[in-house]
Amino acid sequence: MDENENLQLAELEGDARAAGATEQRAASNAKDLEAVYDVPVQISAVLGRATMQVSQLLKLGRGAVVELDRKVGEAIDIYVNNRLVARGEVVVVDERLGVTMTEIVKAERS
């Protein structure tokens, strides 16, 4: 075996060790999360928002239409415990409305 082959073999062994360590960390992280699996959270899907004065709100009646700030086909916001976590689309599942996530929103650290 020449020096180049030895170097490649050493790199492969190092990669295999790194992959094994990554798998162990992932398994450990999953086990650590088991403690919170049963914690209930509130999930909200916001179709859009509107702002109006109380006098306008009081004038609304049956059949009134409130225009939202979103367009048809635009992604809706998905909140978990009042924190924006994803965006998605409205779907119908067995005659009920549902939401499919299309984008996970990265949390901004303060």
PDB file of N, CA and C in Angstrom:
ATOM      1  N   MET A   1       0.845  -1.170   0.000  1.00  0.00           N
ATOM      2  CA  MET A   1       0.000   0.000   0.000  1.00  0.00           C
ATOM      3  C   MET A   1       0.893   1.237   0.000  1.00  0.00           C
ATOM      4  N   ASP A   2       0.602   2.182  -0.887  1.00  0.00           N
ATOM      5  CA  ASP A   2       1.436   3.380  -0.903  1.00  0.00           C
ATOM      6  C   ASP A   2       0.887   4.403   0.091  1.00  0.00           C
ATOM      7  N   GLU A   3       1.620   5.480   0.232  1.00  0.00           N
ATOM      8  CA  GLU A   3       1.280   6.514   1.224  1.00  0.00           C
ATOM      9  C   GLU A   3      -0.079   7.140   0.933  1.00  0.00           C
ATOM     10  N   ASN A   4      -0.422   7.329  -0.337  1.00  0.00           N
ATOM     11  CA  ASN A   4      -1.698   7.918  -0.735  1.00  0.00           C
ATOM     12  C   ASN A   4      -2.865   7.028  -0.321  1.00  0.00           C
ATOM     13  N   GLU A   5      -2.736   5.714  -0.519  1.00  0.00           N
ATOM     14  CA  GLU A   5      -3.787   4.782  -0.125  1.00  0.00           C
ATOM     15  C   GLU A   5      -3.943   4.748   1.391  1.00  0.00           C
ATOM     16  N   ASN A   6      -2.829   4.806   2.137  1.00  0.00           N
ATOM     17  CA  ASN A   6      -2.898   4.850   3.597  1.00  0.00           C
ATOM     18  C   ASN A   6      -3.639   6.092   4.074  1.00  0.00           C
ATOM     19  N   LEU A   7      -3.362   7.232   3.422  1.00  0.00           N
ATOM     20  CA  LEU A   7      -4.010   8.478   3.788  1.00  0.00           C
ATOM     21  C   LEU A   7      -5.523   8.380   3.533  1.00  0.00           C
ATOM     22  N   GLN A   8      -5.921   7.819   2.371  1.00  0.00           N
ATOM     23  CA  GLN A   8      -7.335   7.670   2.057  1.00  0.00           C
ATOM     24  C   GLN A   8      -8.029   6.730   3.036  1.00  0.00           C
ATOM     25  N   LEU A   9      -7.368   5.644   3.416  1.00  0.00           N
ATOM     26  CA  LEU A   9      -7.924   4.706   4.375  1.00  0.00           C
ATOM     27  C   LEU A   9      -8.115   5.376   5.733  1.00  0.00           C
ATOM     28  N   ALA A  10      -7.133   6.171   6.156  1.00  0.00           N
ATOM     29  CA  ALA A  10      -7.236   6.876   7.432  1.00  0.00           C
ATOM     30  C   ALA A  10      -8.390   7.876   7.405  1.00  0.00           C
ATOM     31  N   GLU A  11      -8.578   8.552   6.260  1.00  0.00           N
ATOM     32  CA  GLU A  11      -9.686   9.504   6.143  1.00  0.00           C
ATOM     33  C   GLU A  11     -11.026   8.785   6.225  1.00  0.00           C
ATOM     34  N   LEU A  12     -11.144   7.635   5.562  1.00  0.00           N
ATOM     35  CA  LEU A  12     -12.390   6.864   5.609  1.00  0.00           C
ATOM     36  C   LEU A  12     -12.694   6.394   7.024  1.00  0.00           C
ATOM     37  N   GLU A  13     -11.680   5.934   7.741  1.00  0.00           N
ATOM     38  CA  GLU A  13     -11.882   5.489   9.121  1.00  0.00           C
ATOM     39  C   GLU A  13     -12.319   6.660   9.990  1.00  0.00           C
ATOM     40  N   GLY A  14     -11.708   7.824   9.768  1.00  0.00           N
ATOM     41  CA  GLY A  14     -12.099   9.018  10.520  1.00  0.00           C
ATOM     42  C   GLY A  14     -13.528   9.417  10.227  1.00  0.00           C
ATOM     43  N   ASP A  15     -13.933   9.335   8.945  1.00  0.00           N
ATOM     44  CA  ASP A  15     -15.312   9.652   8.562  1.00  0.00           C
ATOM     45  C   ASP A  15     -16.289   8.689   9.228  1.00  0.00           C
ATOM     46  N   ALA A  16     -15.946   7.408   9.275  1.00  0.00           N
ATOM     47  CA  ALA A  16     -16.818   6.402   9.888  1.00  0.00           C
ATOM     48  C   ALA A  16     -16.973   6.670  11.382  1.00  0.00           C
ATOM     49  N   ARG A  17     -15.863   7.030  12.046  1.00  0.00           N
ATOM     50  CA  ARG A  17     -15.943   7.353  13.481  1.00  0.00           C
ATOM     51  C   ARG A  17     -16.813   8.590  13.708  1.00  0.00           C
ATOM     52  N   ALA A  18     -16.660   9.602  12.858  1.00  0.00           N
ATOM     53  CA  ALA A  18     -17.454  10.824  12.992  1.00  0.00           C
ATOM     54  C   ALA A  18     -18.933  10.524  12.777  1.00  0.00           C
ATOM     55  N   ALA A  19     -19.246   9.682  11.793  1.00  0.00           N
ATOM     56  CA  ALA A  19     -20.642   9.315  11.540  1.00  0.00           C
ATOM     57  C   ALA A  19     -21.221   8.567  12.733  1.00  0.00           C
ATOM     58  N   GLY A  20     -20.449   7.671  13.324  1.00  0.00           N
ATOM     59  CA  GLY A  20     -20.913   6.936  14.503  1.00  0.00           C
ATOM     60  C   GLY A  20     -21.175   7.867  15.670  1.00  0.00           C
ATOM     61  N   ALA A  21     -20.302   8.851  15.866  1.00  0.00           N
ATOM     62  CA  ALA A  21     -20.491   9.823  16.950  1.00  0.00           C
ATOM     63  C   ALA A  21     -21.736  10.661  16.702  1.00  0.00           C
ATOM     64  N   THR A  22     -21.985  11.024  15.441  1.00  0.00           N
ATOM     65  CA  THR A  22     -23.178  11.805  15.107  1.00  0.00           C
ATOM     66  C   THR A  22     -24.438  11.004  15.394  1.00  0.00           C
ATOM     67  N   GLU A  23     -24.445   9.725  15.051  1.00  0.00           N
ATOM     68  CA  GLU A  23     -25.595   8.858  15.328  1.00  0.00           C
ATOM     69  C   GLU A  23     -25.832   8.740  16.825  1.00  0.00           C
ATOM     70  N   GLN A  24     -24.766   8.625  17.608  1.00  0.00           N
ATOM     71  CA  GLN A  24     -24.909   8.521  19.062  1.00  0.00           C
ATOM     72  C   GLN A  24     -25.485   9.808  19.632  1.00  0.00           C
ATOM     73  N   ARG A  25     -25.020  10.964  19.122  1.00  0.00           N
ATOM     74  CA  ARG A  25     -25.559  12.249  19.598  1.00  0.00           C
ATOM     75  C   ARG A  25     -27.030  12.373  19.243  1.00  0.00           C
ATOM     76  N   ALA A  26     -27.416  11.968  18.032  1.00  0.00           N
ATOM     77  CA  ALA A  26     -28.814  12.043  17.606  1.00  0.00           C
ATOM     78  C   ALA A  26     -29.694  11.160  18.482  1.00  0.00           C
ATOM     79  N   ALA A  27     -29.228   9.949  18.787  1.00  0.00           N
ATOM     80  CA  ALA A  27     -29.983   9.040  19.650  1.00  0.00           C
ATOM     81  C   ALA A  27     -30.100   9.621  21.052  1.00  0.00           C
ATOM     82  N   SER A  28     -29.023  10.220  21.537  1.00  0.00           N
ATOM     83  CA  SER A  28     -29.027  10.833  22.871  1.00  0.00           C
ATOM     84  C   SER A  28     -29.985  12.018  22.902  1.00  0.00           C
ATOM     85  N   ASN A  29     -29.968  12.860  21.852  1.00  0.00           N
ATOM     86  CA  ASN A  29     -30.873  14.009  21.791  1.00  0.00           C
ATOM     87  C   ASN A  29     -32.324  13.560  21.747  1.00  0.00           C
ATOM     88  N   ALA A  30     -32.625  12.510  20.985  1.00  0.00           N
ATOM     89  CA  ALA A  30     -33.992  11.997  20.913  1.00  0.00           C
ATOM     90  C   ALA A  30     -34.437  11.482  22.273  1.00  0.00           C
ATOM     91  N   LYS A  31     -33.556  10.801  22.974  1.00  0.00           N
ATOM     92  CA  LYS A  31     -33.894  10.288  24.303  1.00  0.00           C
ATOM     93  C   LYS A  31     -34.129  11.442  25.284  1.00  0.00           C
ATOM     94  N   ASP A  32     -33.314  12.495  25.183  1.00  0.00           N
ATOM     95  CA  ASP A  32     -33.490  13.665  26.046  1.00  0.00           C
ATOM     96  C   ASP A  32     -34.832  14.336  25.804  1.00  0.00           C
ATOM     97  N   LEU A  33     -35.325  14.300  24.576  1.00  0.00           N
ATOM     98  CA  LEU A  33     -36.598  14.934  24.244  1.00  0.00           C
ATOM     99  C   LEU A  33     -37.807  14.158  24.746  1.00  0.00           C
ATOM    100  N   GLU A  34     -37.637  12.891  25.077  1.00  0.00           N
ATOM    101  CA  GLU A  34     -38.760  12.080  25.525  1.00  0.00           C
ATOM    102  C   GLU A  34     -39.481  12.704  26.717  1.00  0.00           C
ATOM    103  N   ALA A  35     -38.780  13.467  27.510  1.00  0.00           N
ATOM    104  CA  ALA A  35     -39.383  14.084  28.694  1.00  0.00           C
ATOM    105  C   ALA A  35     -40.458  15.105  28.327  1.00  0.00           C
ATOM    106  N   VAL A  36     -40.396  15.672  27.126  1.00  0.00           N
ATOM    107  CA  VAL A  36     -41.366  16.704  26.757  1.00  0.00           C
ATOM    108  C   VAL A  36     -42.406  16.215  25.745  1.00  0.00           C
ATOM    109  N   TYR A  37     -42.361  14.950  25.360  1.00  0.00           N
ATOM    110  CA  TYR A  37     -43.297  14.429  24.363  1.00  0.00           C
ATOM    111  C   TYR A  37     -44.755  14.588  24.773  1.00  0.00           C
ATOM    112  N   ASP A  38     -45.077  14.526  26.042  1.00  0.00           N
ATOM    113  CA  ASP A  38     -46.464  14.588  26.497  1.00  0.00           C
ATOM    114  C   ASP A  38     -46.894  15.986  26.925  1.00  0.00           C
ATOM    115  N   VAL A  39     -46.072  16.999  26.723  1.00  0.00           N
ATOM    116  CA  VAL A  39     -46.429  18.367  27.091  1.00  0.00           C
ATOM    117  C   VAL A  39     -47.379  18.911  26.019  1.00  0.00           C
ATOM    118  N   PRO A  40     -48.576  19.342  26.419  1.00  0.00           N
ATOM    119  CA  PRO A  40     -49.519  19.860  25.423  1.00  0.00           C
ATOM    120  C   PRO A  40     -49.095  21.248  24.933  1.00  0.00           C
ATOM    121  N   VAL A  41     -49.327  21.512  23.657  1.00  0.00           N
ATOM    122  CA  VAL A  41     -49.053  22.825  23.074  1.00  0.00           C
ATOM    123  C   VAL A  41     -50.286  23.272  22.304  1.00  0.00           C
ATOM    124  N   GLN A  42     -50.431  24.577  22.148  1.00  0.00           N
ATOM    125  CA  GLN A  42     -51.555  25.132  21.397  1.00  0.00           C
ATOM    126  C   GLN A  42     -51.051  25.492  20.000  1.00  0.00           C
ATOM    127  N   ILE A  43     -51.706  24.963  18.984  1.00  0.00           N
ATOM    128  CA  ILE A  43     -51.325  25.244  17.601  1.00  0.00           C
ATOM    129  C   ILE A  43     -52.412  26.099  16.963  1.00  0.00           C
ATOM    130  N   SER A  44     -51.993  27.186  16.323  1.00  0.00           N
ATOM    131  CA  SER A  44     -52.922  28.090  15.649  1.00  0.00           C
ATOM    132  C   SER A  44     -52.467  28.292  14.212  1.00  0.00           C
ATOM    133  N   ALA A  45     -53.418  28.292  13.300  1.00  0.00           N
ATOM    134  CA  ALA A  45     -53.143  28.592  11.899  1.00  0.00           C
ATOM    135  C   ALA A  45     -53.872  29.883  11.567  1.00  0.00           C
ATOM    136  N   VAL A  46     -53.133  30.921  11.242  1.00  0.00           N
ATOM    137  CA  VAL A  46     -53.710  32.242  11.000  1.00  0.00           C
ATOM    138  C   VAL A  46     -53.856  32.462   9.503  1.00  0.00           C
ATOM    139  N   LEU A  47     -55.104  32.571   9.057  1.00  0.00           N
ATOM    140  CA  LEU A  47     -55.383  32.779   7.640  1.00  0.00           C
ATOM    141  C   LEU A  47     -55.008  34.184   7.191  1.00  0.00           C
ATOM    142  N   GLY A  48     -55.123  35.127   8.081  1.00  0.00           N
ATOM    143  CA  GLY A  48     -54.815  36.514   7.769  1.00  0.00           C
ATOM    144  C   GLY A  48     -55.269  37.406   8.911  1.00  0.00           C
ATOM    145  N   ARG A  49     -55.034  38.696   8.764  1.00  0.00           N
ATOM    146  CA  ARG A  49     -55.391  39.654   9.812  1.00  0.00           C
ATOM    147  C   ARG A  49     -56.107  40.849   9.191  1.00  0.00           C
ATOM    148  N   ALA A  50     -56.873  41.521  10.037  1.00  0.00           N
ATOM    149  CA  ALA A  50     -57.540  42.750   9.619  1.00  0.00           C
ATOM    150  C   ALA A  50     -57.565  43.696  10.810  1.00  0.00           C
ATOM    151  N   THR A  51     -57.508  44.966  10.536  1.00  0.00           N
ATOM    152  CA  THR A  51     -57.594  45.980  11.578  1.00  0.00           C
ATOM    153  C   THR A  51     -58.812  46.850  11.289  1.00  0.00           C
ATOM    154  N   MET A  52     -59.595  47.095  12.322  1.00  0.00           N
ATOM    155  CA  MET A  52     -60.759  47.964  12.158  1.00  0.00           C
ATOM    156  C   MET A  52     -61.091  48.618  13.491  1.00  0.00           C
ATOM    157  N   GLN A  53     -61.854  49.665  13.407  1.00  0.00           N
ATOM    158  CA  GLN A  53     -62.282  50.364  14.612  1.00  0.00           C
ATOM    159  C   GLN A  53     -63.447  49.600  15.240  1.00  0.00           C
ATOM    160  N   VAL A  54     -63.632  49.804  16.533  1.00  0.00           N
ATOM    161  CA  VAL A  54     -64.710  49.121  17.251  1.00  0.00           C
ATOM    162  C   VAL A  54     -66.060  49.465  16.618  1.00  0.00           C
ATOM    163  N   SER A  55     -66.233  50.703  16.194  1.00  0.00           N
ATOM    164  CA  SER A  55     -67.512  51.096  15.581  1.00  0.00           C
ATOM    165  C   SER A  55     -67.778  50.288  14.313  1.00  0.00           C
ATOM    166  N   GLN A  56     -66.721  50.016  13.521  1.00  0.00           N
ATOM    167  CA  GLN A  56     -66.885  49.185  12.319  1.00  0.00           C
ATOM    168  C   GLN A  56     -67.221  47.746  12.709  1.00  0.00           C
ATOM    169  N   LEU A  57     -66.570  47.242  13.744  1.00  0.00           N
ATOM    170  CA  LEU A  57     -66.807  45.882  14.218  1.00  0.00           C
ATOM    171  C   LEU A  57     -68.260  45.715  14.658  1.00  0.00           C
ATOM    172  N   LEU A  58     -68.779  46.709  15.356  1.00  0.00           N
ATOM    173  CA  LEU A  58     -70.155  46.632  15.851  1.00  0.00           C
ATOM    174  C   LEU A  58     -71.179  46.673  14.721  1.00  0.00           C
ATOM    175  N   LYS A  59     -70.812  47.224  13.575  1.00  0.00           N
ATOM    176  CA  LYS A  59     -71.725  47.300  12.431  1.00  0.00           C
ATOM    177  C   LYS A  59     -71.773  45.998  11.630  1.00  0.00           C
ATOM    178  N   LEU A  60     -70.864  45.088  11.899  1.00  0.00           N
ATOM    179  CA  LEU A  60     -70.835  43.828  11.161  1.00  0.00           C
ATOM    180  C   LEU A  60     -72.052  42.984  11.522  1.00  0.00           C
ATOM    181  N   GLY A  61     -72.589  42.349  10.550  1.00  0.00           N
ATOM    182  CA  GLY A  61     -73.728  41.466  10.782  1.00  0.00           C
ATOM    183  C   GLY A  61     -73.526  40.161  10.032  1.00  0.00           C
ATOM    184  N   ARG A  62     -74.555  39.323  10.098  1.00  0.00           N
ATOM    185  CA  ARG A  62     -74.488  38.033   9.407  1.00  0.00           C
ATOM    186  C   ARG A  62     -74.242  38.271   7.916  1.00  0.00           C
ATOM    187  N   GLY A  63     -73.286  37.531   7.370  1.00  0.00           N
ATOM    188  CA  GLY A  63     -72.972  37.643   5.946  1.00  0.00           C
ATOM    189  C   GLY A  63     -71.952  38.717   5.623  1.00  0.00           C
ATOM    190  N   ALA A  64     -71.538  39.489   6.637  1.00  0.00           N
ATOM    191  CA  ALA A  64     -70.538  40.527   6.387  1.00  0.00           C
ATOM    192  C   ALA A  64     -69.203  39.870   6.035  1.00  0.00           C
ATOM    193  N   VAL A  65     -68.451  40.517   5.187  1.00  0.00           N
ATOM    194  CA  VAL A  65     -67.148  40.008   4.774  1.00  0.00           C
ATOM    195  C   VAL A  65     -66.063  40.917   5.333  1.00  0.00           C
ATOM    196  N   VAL A  66     -65.113  40.325   6.016  1.00  0.00           N
ATOM    197  CA  VAL A  66     -63.970  41.071   6.539  1.00  0.00           C
ATOM    198  C   VAL A  66     -62.776  40.717   5.661  1.00  0.00           C
ATOM    199  N   GLU A  67     -62.224  41.725   5.012  1.00  0.00           N
ATOM    200  CA  GLU A  67     -61.095  41.505   4.113  1.00  0.00           C
ATOM    201  C   GLU A  67     -59.815  41.333   4.928  1.00  0.00           C
ATOM    202  N   LEU A  68     -59.102  40.240   4.642  1.00  0.00           N
ATOM    203  CA  LEU A  68     -57.863  39.943   5.352  1.00  0.00           C
ATOM    204  C   LEU A  68     -56.666  40.440   4.545  1.00  0.00           C
ATOM    205  N   ASP A  69     -55.508  40.468   5.188  1.00  0.00           N
ATOM    206  CA  ASP A  69     -54.295  40.982   4.550  1.00  0.00           C
ATOM    207  C   ASP A  69     -53.568  39.945   3.702  1.00  0.00           C
ATOM    208  N   ARG A  70     -54.174  38.813   3.434  1.00  0.00           N
ATOM    209  CA  ARG A  70     -53.551  37.755   2.629  1.00  0.00           C
ATOM    210  C   ARG A  70     -54.304  37.575   1.327  1.00  0.00           C
ATOM    211  N   LYS A  71     -53.575  37.117   0.322  1.00  0.00           N
ATOM    212  CA  LYS A  71     -54.187  36.827  -0.966  1.00  0.00           C
ATOM    213  C   LYS A  71     -54.448  35.324  -1.072  1.00  0.00           C
ATOM    214  N   VAL A  72     -55.347  34.934  -1.946  1.00  0.00           N
ATOM    215  CA  VAL A  72     -55.649  33.529  -2.178  1.00  0.00           C
ATOM    216  C   VAL A  72     -54.366  32.818  -2.623  1.00  0.00           C
ATOM    217  N   GLY A  73     -54.088  31.679  -2.014  1.00  0.00           N
ATOM    218  CA  GLY A  73     -52.898  30.911  -2.374  1.00  0.00           C
ATOM    219  C   GLY A  73     -51.652  31.300  -1.606  1.00  0.00           C
ATOM    220  N   GLU A  74     -51.694  32.406  -0.879  1.00  0.00           N
ATOM    221  CA  GLU A  74     -50.538  32.837  -0.092  1.00  0.00           C
ATOM    222  C   GLU A  74     -50.435  31.962   1.160  1.00  0.00           C
ATOM    223  N   ALA A  75     -49.213  31.688   1.587  1.00  0.00           N
ATOM    224  CA  ALA A  75     -48.993  30.827   2.751  1.00  0.00           C
ATOM    225  C   ALA A  75     -49.619  31.433   4.004  1.00  0.00           C
ATOM    226  N   ILE A  76     -50.119  30.555   4.873  1.00  0.00           N
ATOM    227  CA  ILE A  76     -50.663  31.009   6.154  1.00  0.00           C
ATOM    228  C   ILE A  76     -49.613  30.788   7.235  1.00  0.00           C
ATOM    229  N   ASP A  77     -49.738  31.513   8.339  1.00  0.00           N
ATOM    230  CA  ASP A  77     -48.786  31.400   9.450  1.00  0.00           C
ATOM    231  C   ASP A  77     -49.253  30.330  10.427  1.00  0.00           C
ATOM    232  N   ILE A  78     -48.322  29.515  10.898  1.00  0.00           N
ATOM    233  CA  ILE A  78     -48.614  28.472  11.874  1.00  0.00           C
ATOM    234  C   ILE A  78     -47.861  28.811  13.155  1.00  0.00           C
ATOM    235  N   TYR A  79     -48.604  28.949  14.231  1.00  0.00           N
ATOM    236  CA  TYR A  79     -48.024  29.317  15.527  1.00  0.00           C
ATOM    237  C   TYR A  79     -48.129  28.138  16.488  1.00  0.00           C
ATOM    238  N   VAL A  80     -47.115  27.954  17.314  1.00  0.00           N
ATOM    239  CA  VAL A  80     -47.149  27.006  18.420  1.00  0.00           C
ATOM    240  C   VAL A  80     -46.915  27.813  19.675  1.00  0.00           C
ATOM    241  N   ASN A  81     -47.897  27.788  20.588  1.00  0.00           N
ATOM    242  CA  ASN A  81     -47.849  28.594  21.813  1.00  0.00           C
ATOM    243  C   ASN A  81     -47.521  30.051  21.495  1.00  0.00           C
ATOM    244  N   ASN A  82     -48.231  30.618  20.525  1.00  0.00           N
ATOM    245  CA  ASN A  82     -48.100  32.024  20.121  1.00  0.00           C
ATOM    246  C   ASN A  82     -46.741  32.389  19.538  1.00  0.00           C
ATOM    247  N   ARG A  83     -45.978  31.416  19.106  1.00  0.00           N
ATOM    248  CA  ARG A  83     -44.688  31.673  18.456  1.00  0.00           C
ATOM    249  C   ARG A  83     -44.756  31.143  17.029  1.00  0.00           C
ATOM    250  N   LEU A  84     -44.425  32.012  16.069  1.00  0.00           N
ATOM    251  CA  LEU A  84     -44.434  31.616  14.667  1.00  0.00           C
ATOM    252  C   LEU A  84     -43.370  30.556  14.442  1.00  0.00           C
ATOM    253  N   VAL A  85     -43.783  29.378  13.952  1.00  0.00           N
ATOM    254  CA  VAL A  85     -42.829  28.286  13.736  1.00  0.00           C
ATOM    255  C   VAL A  85     -42.805  27.802  12.288  1.00  0.00           C
ATOM    256  N   ALA A  86     -43.880  28.080  11.533  1.00  0.00           N
ATOM    257  CA  ALA A  86     -43.926  27.554  10.174  1.00  0.00           C
ATOM    258  C   ALA A  86     -44.933  28.327   9.340  1.00  0.00           C
ATOM    259  N   ARG A  87     -44.894  28.056   8.049  1.00  0.00           N
ATOM    260  CA  ARG A  87     -45.904  28.559   7.119  1.00  0.00           C
ATOM    261  C   ARG A  87     -46.454  27.353   6.374  1.00  0.00           C
ATOM    262  N   GLY A  88     -47.677  27.471   5.900  1.00  0.00           N
ATOM    263  CA  GLY A  88     -48.265  26.321   5.237  1.00  0.00           C
ATOM    264  C   GLY A  88     -49.444  26.677   4.364  1.00  0.00           C
ATOM    265  N   GLU A  89     -50.138  25.639   3.947  1.00  0.00           N
ATOM    266  CA  GLU A  89     -51.299  25.776   3.076  1.00  0.00           C
ATOM    267  C   GLU A  89     -52.490  25.077   3.704  1.00  0.00           C
ATOM    268  N   VAL A  90     -53.669  25.613   3.434  1.00  0.00           N
ATOM    269  CA  VAL A  90     -54.902  25.000   3.929  1.00  0.00           C
ATOM    270  C   VAL A  90     -55.234  23.810   3.039  1.00  0.00           C
ATOM    271  N   VAL A  91     -55.612  22.697   3.678  1.00  0.00           N
ATOM    272  CA  VAL A  91     -56.018  21.491   2.947  1.00  0.00           C
ATOM    273  C   VAL A  91     -57.319  20.985   3.556  1.00  0.00           C
ATOM    274  N   VAL A  92     -58.027  20.137   2.818  1.00  0.00           N
ATOM    275  CA  VAL A  92     -59.243  19.506   3.322  1.00  0.00           C
ATOM    276  C   VAL A  92     -58.930  18.036   3.542  1.00  0.00           C
ATOM    277  N   VAL A  93     -59.209  17.556   4.770  1.00  0.00           N
ATOM    278  CA  VAL A  93     -58.972  16.170   5.136  1.00  0.00           C
ATOM    279  C   VAL A  93     -60.268  15.607   5.703  1.00  0.00           C
ATOM    280  N   ASP A  94     -60.874  14.668   4.985  1.00  0.00           N
ATOM    281  CA  ASP A  94     -62.134  14.057   5.439  1.00  0.00           C
ATOM    282  C   ASP A  94     -63.161  15.113   5.835  1.00  0.00           C
ATOM    283  N   GLU A  95     -63.398  16.067   4.979  1.00  0.00           N
ATOM    284  CA  GLU A  95     -64.374  17.144   5.177  1.00  0.00           C
ATOM    285  C   GLU A  95     -64.042  18.074   6.343  1.00  0.00           C
ATOM    286  N   ARG A  96     -62.801  18.075   6.790  1.00  0.00           N
ATOM    287  CA  ARG A  96     -62.340  19.010   7.817  1.00  0.00           C
ATOM    288  C   ARG A  96     -61.183  19.814   7.244  1.00  0.00           C
ATOM    289  N   LEU A  97     -61.019  21.021   7.752  1.00  0.00           N
ATOM    290  CA  LEU A  97     -59.880  21.829   7.328  1.00  0.00           C
ATOM    291  C   LEU A  97     -58.627  21.382   8.064  1.00  0.00           C
ATOM    292  N   GLY A  98     -57.516  21.431   7.374  1.00  0.00           N
ATOM    293  CA  GLY A  98     -56.231  21.107   7.972  1.00  0.00           C
ATOM    294  C   GLY A  98     -55.182  22.029   7.395  1.00  0.00           C
ATOM    295  N   VAL A  99     -53.974  21.863   7.860  1.00  0.00           N
ATOM    296  CA  VAL A  99     -52.860  22.682   7.393  1.00  0.00           C
ATOM    297  C   VAL A  99     -51.689  21.771   7.094  1.00  0.00           C
ATOM    298  N   THR A 100     -51.074  21.965   5.961  1.00  0.00           N
ATOM    299  CA  THR A 100     -49.850  21.249   5.647  1.00  0.00           C
ATOM    300  C   THR A 100     -48.693  22.246   5.695  1.00  0.00           C
ATOM    301  N   MET A 101     -47.644  21.886   6.409  1.00  0.00           N
ATOM    302  CA  MET A 101     -46.504  22.793   6.549  1.00  0.00           C
ATOM    303  C   MET A 101     -45.655  22.758   5.287  1.00  0.00           C
ATOM    304  N   THR A 102     -45.326  23.933   4.789  1.00  0.00           N
ATOM    305  CA  THR A 102     -44.495  24.029   3.588  1.00  0.00           C
ATOM    306  C   THR A 102     -43.138  24.656   3.885  1.00  0.00           C
ATOM    307  N   GLU A 103     -43.018  25.316   5.033  1.00  0.00           N
ATOM    308  CA  GLU A 103     -41.772  26.009   5.368  1.00  0.00           C
ATOM    309  C   GLU A 103     -41.645  26.117   6.879  1.00  0.00           C
ATOM    310  N   ILE A 104     -40.487  25.751   7.404  1.00  0.00           N
ATOM    311  CA  ILE A 104     -40.203  25.936   8.833  1.00  0.00           C
ATOM    312  C   ILE A 104     -39.510  27.289   8.991  1.00  0.00           C
ATOM    313  N   VAL A 105     -39.985  28.084   9.938  1.00  0.00           N
ATOM    314  CA  VAL A 105     -39.429  29.419  10.162  1.00  0.00           C
ATOM    315  C   VAL A 105     -38.318  29.297  11.197  1.00  0.00           C
ATOM    316  N   LYS A 106     -37.135  29.787  10.852  1.00  0.00           N
ATOM    317  CA  LYS A 106     -36.004  29.775  11.779  1.00  0.00           C
ATOM    318  C   LYS A 106     -36.276  30.775  12.892  1.00  0.00           C
ATOM    319  N   ALA A 107     -36.049  30.336  14.134  1.00  0.00           N
ATOM    320  CA  ALA A 107     -36.264  31.196  15.297  1.00  0.00           C
ATOM    321  C   ALA A 107     -35.146  32.228  15.369  1.00  0.00           C
ATOM    322  N   GLU A 108     -35.532  33.455  15.652  1.00  0.00           N
ATOM    323  CA  GLU A 108     -34.527  34.507  15.850  1.00  0.00           C
ATOM    324  C   GLU A 108     -34.139  34.508  17.315  1.00  0.00           C
ATOM    325  N   ARG A 109     -32.859  34.374  17.574  1.00  0.00           N
ATOM    326  CA  ARG A 109     -32.352  34.383  18.953  1.00  0.00           C
ATOM    327  C   ARG A 109     -32.138  35.810  19.399  1.00  0.00           C
ATOM    328  N   SER A 110     -32.630  36.125  20.633  1.00  0.00           N
ATOM    329  CA  SER A 110     -32.415  37.493  21.124  1.00  0.00           C
ATOM    330  C   SER A 110     -31.370  37.527  22.194  1.00  0.00           C
TER     331      SER A 110
END
